[in-house]
């Protein structure tokens, strides 16, 4: 018997619906449905909860191949969580541009370094573009932290791309508008993201 078949048998033998089992093991009904139809496996914590709830050993629930698959999936999930956390923190760190003197401002022939908030020596549309990019990246970081446990397919597929796209746009904007310090700062953030993405593939 597969894990899904064993789980379904344990649930039905105990007279539980998928909703009731989900509530007892602190997961969603969708997760129970997925596991019972062998479209995936629970993580280690969920597996322990199921084992404890039904008073059966993990060995009784899983074959050796299934144990290996779960360990691999759990490792992959941890790597993804780590990547998401680092990406979120990098996106949030772009807010430093608001307060640190990374922007060059030409005032009466004198070039001085100012923060984005204090920047006045550029065209209003350019300053608005800087604010849009910085706030957009910051908001993406907040969203990534807030939606760490979100399982919506659109978010899972696109969260990394959104972060990379915003990072690329920020670098291009600062380079094109001749803001070298801000461009280097944004480029370093983007470089770290790309490095982590390559490392975890």
Protein backbone atom coordinates (compact mmCIF):
# COMPACT_ATOMS: atom_id res chain seq x y z
CA UNK A 1 0.00 0.00 0.00
CA UNK A 2 1.13 3.54 -0.74
CA UNK A 3 1.25 6.24 1.91
CA UNK A 4 -1.89 7.81 0.45
CA UNK A 5 -3.82 4.54 0.67
CA UNK A 6 -2.65 3.95 4.24
CA UNK A 7 -3.62 7.47 5.28
CA UNK A 8 -7.06 7.14 3.70
CA UNK A 9 -7.62 3.78 5.41
CA UNK A 10 -6.57 5.16 8.81
CA UNK A 11 -8.87 8.16 8.36
CA UNK A 12 -11.92 6.15 7.26
CA UNK A 13 -11.31 3.43 9.89
CA UNK A 14 -11.46 6.19 12.51
CA UNK A 15 -14.61 7.67 10.99
CA UNK A 16 -13.02 11.00 10.10
CA UNK A 17 -13.66 13.29 7.15
CA UNK A 18 -10.76 14.99 5.39
CA UNK A 19 -11.77 18.26 7.05
CA UNK A 20 -11.71 16.69 10.51
CA UNK A 21 -8.31 15.07 9.96
CA UNK A 22 -6.96 18.36 8.59
CA UNK A 23 -8.13 20.14 11.72
CA UNK A 24 -6.58 17.51 14.01
CA UNK A 25 -3.21 17.61 12.24
CA UNK A 26 -3.11 21.39 11.64
CA UNK A 27 -3.06 21.29 7.83
CA UNK A 28 -5.56 22.15 5.10
CA UNK A 29 -8.17 19.77 3.67
CA UNK A 30 -6.47 20.27 0.29
CA UNK A 31 -3.24 18.87 1.74
CA UNK A 32 -5.02 15.77 3.06
CA UNK A 33 -6.69 15.27 -0.32
CA UNK A 34 -3.36 15.62 -2.12
CA UNK A 35 -1.64 13.12 0.16
CA UNK A 36 -4.45 10.56 -0.05
CA UNK A 37 -4.38 10.68 -3.84
CA UNK A 38 -0.57 10.23 -3.85
CA UNK A 39 0.04 13.63 -5.44
CA UNK A 40 2.55 14.56 -2.75
CA UNK A 41 3.83 13.84 0.72
CA UNK A 42 3.59 15.69 4.02
CA UNK A 43 6.66 17.38 5.45
CA UNK A 44 8.40 15.87 8.46
CA UNK A 45 6.37 17.87 11.00
CA UNK A 46 3.03 16.90 9.42
CA UNK A 47 4.16 13.29 9.21
CA UNK A 48 4.97 13.30 12.93
CA UNK A 49 1.55 14.81 13.69
CA UNK A 50 -0.21 12.10 11.64
CA UNK A 51 1.89 9.38 13.28
CA UNK A 52 1.11 10.70 16.77
CA UNK A 53 -2.59 11.23 16.07
CA UNK A 54 -3.15 7.68 14.80
CA UNK A 55 -0.63 6.14 17.26
CA UNK A 56 1.33 4.44 14.49
CA UNK A 57 5.03 4.60 13.72
CA UNK A 58 6.37 6.50 10.74
CA UNK A 59 7.80 3.19 9.48
CA UNK A 60 4.25 1.80 9.36
CA UNK A 61 3.14 4.75 7.23
CA UNK A 62 6.00 4.84 4.75
CA UNK A 63 8.09 2.57 2.60
CA UNK A 64 11.87 3.19 2.46
CA UNK A 65 11.49 4.88 -0.96
CA UNK A 66 8.79 7.17 0.42
CA UNK A 67 11.00 8.11 3.39
CA UNK A 68 13.75 9.11 0.95
CA UNK A 69 11.31 11.11 -1.18
CA UNK A 70 9.97 12.97 1.86
CA UNK A 71 13.49 13.75 3.09
CA UNK A 72 14.39 15.16 -0.35
CA UNK A 73 11.19 17.21 -0.54
CA UNK A 74 11.69 18.52 3.00
CA UNK A 75 15.25 19.54 2.15
CA UNK A 76 14.02 21.29 -0.99
CA UNK A 77 11.33 23.12 0.99
CA UNK A 78 13.90 24.31 3.54
CA UNK A 79 16.13 25.61 0.74
CA UNK A 80 13.17 27.43 -0.81
CA UNK A 81 12.23 28.97 2.56
CA UNK A 82 15.84 30.12 3.04
CA UNK A 83 15.92 31.65 -0.45
CA UNK A 84 12.58 33.40 0.08
CA UNK A 85 13.72 34.81 3.42
CA UNK A 86 16.99 36.14 1.99
CA UNK A 87 15.20 37.62 -1.04
CA UNK A 88 12.68 39.32 1.26
CA UNK A 89 15.44 40.79 3.46
CA UNK A 90 17.37 42.01 0.40
CA UNK A 91 14.25 43.65 -1.00
CA UNK A 92 13.56 45.30 2.35
CA UNK A 93 17.14 46.60 2.53
CA UNK A 94 16.52 48.77 -0.54
CA UNK A 95 14.77 51.12 1.90
CA UNK A 96 18.23 52.22 3.03
CA UNK A 97 18.36 54.34 -0.13
CA UNK A 98 15.66 56.53 1.43
CA UNK A 99 17.95 57.52 4.30
CA UNK A 100 21.60 56.95 3.29
CA UNK A 101 23.48 59.34 0.95
CA UNK A 102 23.64 57.18 -2.18
CA UNK A 103 22.40 59.82 -4.64
CA UNK A 104 24.48 62.49 -6.35
CA UNK A 105 22.95 65.95 -6.44
CA UNK A 106 24.37 68.90 -8.39
CA UNK A 107 23.72 72.10 -6.46
CA UNK A 108 25.20 75.27 -8.02
CA UNK A 109 28.07 73.31 -9.57
CA UNK A 110 28.82 71.39 -6.39
CA UNK A 111 28.08 67.66 -6.41
CA UNK A 112 27.09 66.27 -3.03
CA UNK A 113 25.74 62.95 -1.81
CA UNK A 114 22.22 62.89 -0.40
CA UNK A 115 19.56 60.38 0.53
CA UNK A 116 16.56 59.81 -1.70
CA UNK A 117 14.32 61.72 0.70
CA UNK A 118 16.65 64.76 0.54
CA UNK A 119 17.20 64.55 -3.23
CA UNK A 120 15.99 67.74 -4.94
CA UNK A 121 18.45 68.34 -7.76
CA UNK A 122 16.76 66.01 -10.28
CA UNK A 123 13.65 66.20 -12.41
CA UNK A 124 10.45 65.43 -10.46
CA UNK A 125 9.57 62.51 -12.78
CA UNK A 126 12.98 60.94 -12.08
CA UNK A 127 12.59 61.27 -8.32
CA UNK A 128 9.11 59.76 -8.64
CA UNK A 129 10.61 56.83 -10.60
CA UNK A 130 13.25 56.31 -7.86
CA UNK A 131 10.57 56.30 -5.16
CA UNK A 132 8.38 53.92 -7.19
CA UNK A 133 11.19 51.38 -7.59
CA UNK A 134 12.36 51.60 -3.98
CA UNK A 135 8.86 51.37 -2.52
CA UNK A 136 7.96 48.60 -4.99
CA UNK A 137 10.94 46.50 -3.91
CA UNK A 138 10.28 47.21 -0.24
CA UNK A 139 6.63 46.20 -0.64
CA UNK A 140 7.72 42.99 -2.45
CA UNK A 141 9.92 42.18 0.56
CA UNK A 142 7.07 42.77 3.00
CA UNK A 143 4.79 40.62 0.85
CA UNK A 144 7.35 37.80 0.70
CA UNK A 145 7.60 37.76 4.50
CA UNK A 146 3.84 37.98 4.99
CA UNK A 147 3.08 35.22 2.45
CA UNK A 148 5.74 32.71 3.50
CA UNK A 149 3.12 30.00 3.96
CA UNK A 150 0.99 30.96 0.97
CA UNK A 151 0.36 28.03 -1.38
CA UNK A 152 -1.33 29.92 -4.22
CA UNK A 153 0.13 28.68 -7.50
CA UNK A 154 0.58 32.17 -8.98
CA UNK A 155 2.58 33.37 -5.96
CA UNK A 156 4.72 30.21 -5.77
CA UNK A 157 5.62 30.46 -9.46
CA UNK A 158 6.24 34.20 -9.64
CA UNK A 159 7.59 35.48 -6.30
CA UNK A 160 11.23 34.92 -7.31
CA UNK A 161 10.70 36.44 -10.76
CA UNK A 162 9.01 39.52 -9.28
CA UNK A 163 11.95 40.11 -6.93
CA UNK A 164 14.52 39.62 -9.70
CA UNK A 165 12.58 41.84 -12.11
CA UNK A 166 12.30 44.69 -9.61
CA UNK A 167 16.01 44.35 -8.80
CA UNK A 168 16.93 44.51 -12.49
CA UNK A 169 14.69 47.54 -13.08
CA UNK A 170 16.27 49.37 -10.13
CA UNK A 171 19.80 48.74 -11.44
CA UNK A 172 18.89 49.88 -14.97
CA UNK A 173 17.10 52.99 -13.69
CA UNK A 174 20.02 54.09 -11.53
CA UNK A 175 22.58 53.37 -14.27
CA UNK A 176 20.63 55.19 -16.99
CA UNK A 177 20.05 58.22 -14.74
CA UNK A 178 23.74 58.38 -13.74
CA UNK A 179 23.40 57.51 -10.06
CA UNK A 180 26.49 55.26 -9.66
CA UNK A 181 26.36 54.67 -5.89
CA UNK A 182 22.68 53.73 -5.90
CA UNK A 183 23.30 51.56 -9.00
CA UNK A 184 26.17 49.70 -7.32
CA UNK A 185 24.07 49.15 -4.18
CA UNK A 186 21.13 47.80 -6.20
CA UNK A 187 23.49 45.71 -8.35
CA UNK A 188 25.04 44.05 -5.27
CA UNK A 189 21.56 43.13 -4.02
CA UNK A 190 20.69 41.67 -7.44
CA UNK A 191 24.00 39.80 -7.61
CA UNK A 192 23.38 38.12 -4.24
CA UNK A 193 19.90 37.04 -5.42
CA UNK A 194 21.29 35.54 -8.65
CA UNK A 195 24.08 33.79 -6.74
CA UNK A 196 21.60 32.18 -4.33
CA UNK A 197 19.31 31.18 -7.20
CA UNK A 198 22.18 29.45 -9.03
CA UNK A 199 23.50 27.85 -5.85
CA UNK A 200 20.13 26.27 -4.97
CA UNK A 201 19.42 24.87 -8.42
